[in-house]
Amino acid sequence: MLDKLKAMLAGASSGPARLTEFKPDLQVAVCAILLEVARADQEFTEAERATIRRLLADRFTLGAAEVEGLIALAEEERRRSPDLWPFTNAIAKAYAPEEKLPLLVMVWQVILADARLDAQEDHLAHRLQQMLLVNHSVLMEAKRQARALAARENVGSA
């Protein structure tokens, strides 16, 4: 992961990015989506950052340094992309329908990390549902699961 980040950054100085060749790997795609969700309400809180780090570490079995490298790589790839389509398209093509539910649970966990649901965050979640080619019921199930997880975490920390 860190080698890929170094190679990508070294290649960035050799010329402009060719967006027609842009194909994010799935870890970068997931991370880019989570970062976009966290920024949807124009406020990227520490709770959202911590949630993203934890989710990436758990989902991809990464250490702290690898998570930070993945975040840096995803941020760079997101700056190179005009929109979320390359990321959502990569996931829509690669993930089976049952694999998209856990991703949408992660999306809702980031949205709910700061204990409030902003209209922009809700709108983006619904756009992601469409871009990932899943039914609305899957999005609502993901939201239900994320709320249940948040409730369990709050009980456990009390």
C-alpha atoms as a PDB file:
ATOM      1  CA  MET A   1       0.000   0.000   0.000  1.00  0.00           C
ATOM      2  CA  LEU A   2       2.706   2.507   0.961  1.00  0.00           C
ATOM      3  CA  ASP A   3       4.745   1.495  -2.087  1.00  0.00           C
ATOM      4  CA  LYS A   4       1.741   2.238  -4.281  1.00  0.00           C
ATOM      5  CA  LEU A   5       1.355   5.638  -2.622  1.00  0.00           C
ATOM      6  CA  LYS A   6       5.025   6.456  -3.192  1.00  0.00           C
ATOM      7  CA  ALA A   7       4.857   5.291  -6.811  1.00  0.00           C
ATOM      8  CA  MET A   8       1.735   7.314  -7.446  1.00  0.00           C
ATOM      9  CA  LEU A   9       3.196  10.459  -5.924  1.00  0.00           C
ATOM     10  CA  ALA A  10       6.411  10.022  -7.894  1.00  0.00           C
ATOM     11  CA  GLY A  11       4.401   9.623 -11.083  1.00  0.00           C
ATOM     12  CA  ALA A  12       2.363  12.733 -10.308  1.00  0.00           C
ATOM     13  CA  SER A  13       5.352  14.948 -10.998  1.00  0.00           C
ATOM     14  CA  SER A  14       5.904  13.435 -14.445  1.00  0.00           C
ATOM     15  CA  GLY A  15       2.874  15.087 -16.018  1.00  0.00           C
ATOM     16  CA  PRO A  16      -0.846  15.619 -15.787  1.00  0.00           C
ATOM     17  CA  ALA A  17      -3.119  12.798 -14.752  1.00  0.00           C
ATOM     18  CA  ARG A  18      -4.829  11.015 -17.600  1.00  0.00           C
ATOM     19  CA  LEU A  19      -8.365  10.655 -16.335  1.00  0.00           C
ATOM     20  CA  THR A  20      -9.299   8.239 -19.092  1.00  0.00           C
ATOM     21  CA  GLU A  21      -6.920   5.718 -17.505  1.00  0.00           C
ATOM     22  CA  PHE A  22      -8.038   6.363 -13.942  1.00  0.00           C
ATOM     23  CA  LYS A  23      -9.093   3.058 -12.351  1.00  0.00           C
ATOM     24  CA  PRO A  24      -9.058   3.155  -8.559  1.00  0.00           C
ATOM     25  CA  ASP A  25      -8.473  -0.064  -6.716  1.00  0.00           C
ATOM     26  CA  LEU A  26     -11.314  -1.077  -4.445  1.00  0.00           C
ATOM     27  CA  GLN A  27      -9.699  -0.061  -1.155  1.00  0.00           C
ATOM     28  CA  VAL A  28      -9.015   3.409  -2.541  1.00  0.00           C
ATOM     29  CA  ALA A  29     -12.557   3.579  -3.923  1.00  0.00           C
ATOM     30  CA  VAL A  30     -14.121   2.691  -0.563  1.00  0.00           C
ATOM     31  CA  CYS A  31     -11.903   5.158   1.257  1.00  0.00           C
ATOM     32  CA  ALA A  32     -12.634   7.960  -1.229  1.00  0.00           C
ATOM     33  CA  ILE A  33     -16.369   7.421  -0.797  1.00  0.00           C
ATOM     34  CA  LEU A  34     -16.107   7.499   2.997  1.00  0.00           C
ATOM     35  CA  LEU A  35     -14.054  10.695   2.872  1.00  0.00           C
ATOM     36  CA  GLU A  36     -16.579  12.295   0.526  1.00  0.00           C
ATOM     37  CA  VAL A  37     -19.428  11.349   2.861  1.00  0.00           C
ATOM     38  CA  ALA A  38     -17.588  12.854   5.832  1.00  0.00           C
ATOM     39  CA  ARG A  39     -17.169  16.128   3.963  1.00  0.00           C
ATOM     40  CA  ALA A  40     -20.729  16.267   2.600  1.00  0.00           C
ATOM     41  CA  ASP A  41     -21.914  18.634   5.347  1.00  0.00           C
ATOM     42  CA  GLN A  42     -18.826  20.865   4.955  1.00  0.00           C
ATOM     43  CA  GLU A  43     -17.573  19.786   8.392  1.00  0.00           C
ATOM     44  CA  PHE A  44     -15.118  16.899   8.692  1.00  0.00           C
ATOM     45  CA  THR A  45     -15.185  16.161  12.430  1.00  0.00           C
ATOM     46  CA  GLU A  46     -12.667  14.213  14.479  1.00  0.00           C
ATOM     47  CA  ALA A  47     -15.401  11.658  15.214  1.00  0.00           C
ATOM     48  CA  GLU A  48     -15.816  11.109  11.469  1.00  0.00           C
ATOM     49  CA  ARG A  49     -12.042  10.821  10.990  1.00  0.00           C
ATOM     50  CA  ALA A  50     -11.748   8.281  13.781  1.00  0.00           C
ATOM     51  CA  THR A  51     -14.688   6.311  12.410  1.00  0.00           C
ATOM     52  CA  ILE A  52     -13.145   6.196   8.928  1.00  0.00           C
ATOM     53  CA  ARG A  53      -9.801   5.046  10.320  1.00  0.00           C
ATOM     54  CA  ARG A  54     -11.458   2.311  12.377  1.00  0.00           C
ATOM     55  CA  LEU A  55     -13.686   1.132   9.531  1.00  0.00           C
ATOM     56  CA  LEU A  56     -10.784   0.946   7.061  1.00  0.00           C
ATOM     57  CA  ALA A  57      -8.569  -0.881   9.547  1.00  0.00           C
ATOM     58  CA  ASP A  58     -11.314  -3.405  10.295  1.00  0.00           C
ATOM     59  CA  ARG A  59     -12.568  -3.868   6.720  1.00  0.00           C
ATOM     60  CA  PHE A  60      -9.152  -4.301   5.105  1.00  0.00           C
ATOM     61  CA  THR A  61      -7.133  -5.577   8.090  1.00  0.00           C
ATOM     62  CA  LEU A  62      -4.714  -2.631   8.013  1.00  0.00           C
ATOM     63  CA  GLY A  63      -2.397  -1.154  10.590  1.00  0.00           C
ATOM     64  CA  ALA A  64      -2.439   2.524  11.499  1.00  0.00           C
ATOM     65  CA  ALA A  65       0.323   3.480   9.043  1.00  0.00           C
ATOM     66  CA  GLU A  66      -1.378   1.584   6.233  1.00  0.00           C
ATOM     67  CA  VAL A  67      -4.683   3.310   6.981  1.00  0.00           C
ATOM     68  CA  GLU A  68      -3.009   6.719   6.841  1.00  0.00           C
ATOM     69  CA  GLY A  69      -1.330   5.750   3.547  1.00  0.00           C
ATOM     70  CA  LEU A  70      -4.659   4.605   2.130  1.00  0.00           C
ATOM     71  CA  ILE A  71      -6.327   7.859   3.189  1.00  0.00           C
ATOM     72  CA  ALA A  72      -3.548   9.916   1.596  1.00  0.00           C
ATOM     73  CA  LEU A  73      -3.784   7.894  -1.606  1.00  0.00           C
ATOM     74  CA  ALA A  74      -7.582   8.169  -1.717  1.00  0.00           C
ATOM     75  CA  GLU A  75      -7.424  11.923  -1.168  1.00  0.00           C
ATOM     76  CA  GLU A  76      -4.951  12.272  -4.041  1.00  0.00           C
ATOM     77  CA  GLU A  77      -7.041  10.065  -6.342  1.00  0.00           C
ATOM     78  CA  ARG A  78     -10.176  12.030  -5.409  1.00  0.00           C
ATOM     79  CA  ARG A  79      -8.448  15.315  -6.316  1.00  0.00           C
ATOM     80  CA  ARG A  80      -7.614  13.805  -9.718  1.00  0.00           C
ATOM     81  CA  SER A  81     -11.183  12.728 -10.396  1.00  0.00           C
ATOM     82  CA  PRO A  82     -13.895  15.167 -11.424  1.00  0.00           C
ATOM     83  CA  ASP A  83     -16.550  13.224  -9.470  1.00  0.00           C
ATOM     84  CA  LEU A  84     -17.299  10.013  -7.572  1.00  0.00           C
ATOM     85  CA  TRP A  85     -18.202   7.973 -10.650  1.00  0.00           C
ATOM     86  CA  PRO A  86     -14.843   6.154 -11.070  1.00  0.00           C
ATOM     87  CA  PHE A  87     -15.013   5.039  -7.446  1.00  0.00           C
ATOM     88  CA  THR A  88     -18.649   3.985  -7.382  1.00  0.00           C
ATOM     89  CA  ASN A  89     -18.385   2.385 -10.811  1.00  0.00           C
ATOM     90  CA  ALA A  90     -15.402   0.280  -9.715  1.00  0.00           C
ATOM     91  CA  ILE A  91     -17.344  -0.931  -6.682  1.00  0.00           C
ATOM     92  CA  ALA A  92     -20.609  -1.445  -8.586  1.00  0.00           C
ATOM     93  CA  LYS A  93     -18.798  -3.688 -11.070  1.00  0.00           C
ATOM     94  CA  ALA A  94     -16.621  -5.600  -8.602  1.00  0.00           C
ATOM     95  CA  TYR A  95     -18.914  -6.092  -5.616  1.00  0.00           C
ATOM     96  CA  ALA A  96     -21.719  -8.614  -5.574  1.00  0.00           C
ATOM     97  CA  PRO A  97     -25.027  -7.192  -4.309  1.00  0.00           C
ATOM     98  CA  GLU A  98     -24.519  -8.706  -0.849  1.00  0.00           C
ATOM     99  CA  GLU A  99     -21.097  -6.995  -0.587  1.00  0.00           C
ATOM    100  CA  LYS A 100     -22.602  -3.557  -1.133  1.00  0.00           C
ATOM    101  CA  LEU A 101     -24.695  -3.659   2.036  1.00  0.00           C
ATOM    102  CA  PRO A 102     -21.651  -3.625   4.372  1.00  0.00           C
ATOM    103  CA  LEU A 103     -20.204  -0.731   2.368  1.00  0.00           C
ATOM    104  CA  LEU A 104     -23.418   1.249   2.788  1.00  0.00           C
ATOM    105  CA  VAL A 105     -23.411   0.416   6.508  1.00  0.00           C
ATOM    106  CA  MET A 106     -19.944   1.984   6.627  1.00  0.00           C
ATOM    107  CA  VAL A 107     -21.293   5.053   4.808  1.00  0.00           C
ATOM    108  CA  TRP A 108     -24.054   5.446   7.394  1.00  0.00           C
ATOM    109  CA  GLN A 109     -21.590   4.888  10.260  1.00  0.00           C
ATOM    110  CA  VAL A 110     -19.550   7.849   9.001  1.00  0.00           C
ATOM    111  CA  ILE A 111     -22.688   9.953   8.534  1.00  0.00           C
ATOM    112  CA  LEU A 112     -23.896   9.146  12.054  1.00  0.00           C
ATOM    113  CA  ALA A 113     -20.453   9.498  13.691  1.00  0.00           C
ATOM    114  CA  ASP A 114     -21.084  13.106  14.684  1.00  0.00           C
ATOM    115  CA  ALA A 115     -24.559  12.220  16.050  1.00  0.00           C
ATOM    116  CA  ARG A 116     -26.479  14.273  13.511  1.00  0.00           C
ATOM    117  CA  LEU A 117     -27.884  13.667  10.057  1.00  0.00           C
ATOM    118  CA  ASP A 118     -27.383  16.589   7.724  1.00  0.00           C
ATOM    119  CA  ALA A 119     -29.508  17.002   4.561  1.00  0.00           C
ATOM    120  CA  GLN A 120     -26.390  16.943   2.337  1.00  0.00           C
ATOM    121  CA  GLU A 121     -25.221  13.698   3.925  1.00  0.00           C
ATOM    122  CA  ASP A 122     -28.621  12.092   3.447  1.00  0.00           C
ATOM    123  CA  HIS A 123     -28.719  13.263  -0.168  1.00  0.00           C
ATOM    124  CA  LEU A 124     -25.261  11.845  -0.851  1.00  0.00           C
ATOM    125  CA  ALA A 125     -26.205   8.502   0.709  1.00  0.00           C
ATOM    126  CA  HIS A 126     -29.172   8.300  -1.657  1.00  0.00           C
ATOM    127  CA  ARG A 127     -26.986   9.235  -4.638  1.00  0.00           C
ATOM    128  CA  LEU A 128     -24.514   6.520  -3.646  1.00  0.00           C
ATOM    129  CA  GLN A 129     -27.337   3.993  -3.495  1.00  0.00           C
ATOM    130  CA  GLN A 130     -28.171   4.818  -7.096  1.00  0.00           C
ATOM    131  CA  MET A 131     -24.534   4.918  -8.243  1.00  0.00           C
ATOM    132  CA  LEU A 132     -23.819   1.552  -6.617  1.00  0.00           C
ATOM    133  CA  LEU A 133     -26.874   0.070  -8.344  1.00  0.00           C
ATOM    134  CA  VAL A 134     -28.682  -1.154  -5.232  1.00  0.00           C
ATOM    135  CA  ASN A 135     -32.321  -0.945  -4.213  1.00  0.00           C
ATOM    136  CA  HIS A 136     -33.518   1.722  -1.817  1.00  0.00           C
ATOM    137  CA  SER A 137     -34.397  -1.028   0.668  1.00  0.00           C
ATOM    138  CA  VAL A 138     -30.686  -1.947   0.860  1.00  0.00           C
ATOM    139  CA  LEU A 139     -29.827   1.649   1.725  1.00  0.00           C
ATOM    140  CA  MET A 140     -32.476   1.709   4.450  1.00  0.00           C
ATOM    141  CA  GLU A 141     -31.275  -1.631   5.847  1.00  0.00           C
ATOM    142  CA  ALA A 142     -27.740  -0.239   5.947  1.00  0.00           C
ATOM    143  CA  LYS A 143     -28.971   2.814   7.848  1.00  0.00           C
ATOM    144  CA  ARG A 144     -30.844   0.583  10.316  1.00  0.00           C
ATOM    145  CA  GLN A 145     -27.733  -1.544  10.881  1.00  0.00           C
ATOM    146  CA  ALA A 146     -25.514   1.528  11.348  1.00  0.00           C
ATOM    147  CA  ARG A 147     -27.930   2.975  13.920  1.00  0.00           C
ATOM    148  CA  ALA A 148     -27.994  -0.367  15.773  1.00  0.00           C
ATOM    149  CA  LEU A 149     -24.185  -0.476  15.806  1.00  0.00           C
ATOM    150  CA  ALA A 150     -24.036   3.116  17.084  1.00  0.00           C
ATOM    151  CA  ALA A 151     -26.529   2.310  19.841  1.00  0.00           C
ATOM    152  CA  ARG A 152     -24.460  -0.725  20.905  1.00  0.00           C
ATOM    153  CA  GLU A 153     -21.266   1.343  20.946  1.00  0.00           C
ATOM    154  CA  ASN A 154     -22.924   4.058  23.052  1.00  0.00           C
ATOM    155  CA  VAL A 155     -24.169   1.464  25.550  1.00  0.00           C
ATOM    156  CA  GLY A 156     -20.722  -0.114  25.708  1.00  0.00           C
ATOM    157  CA  SER A 157     -18.982   3.199  26.343  1.00  0.00           C
ATOM    158  CA  ALA A 158     -21.370   4.334  29.088  1.00  0.00           C
END
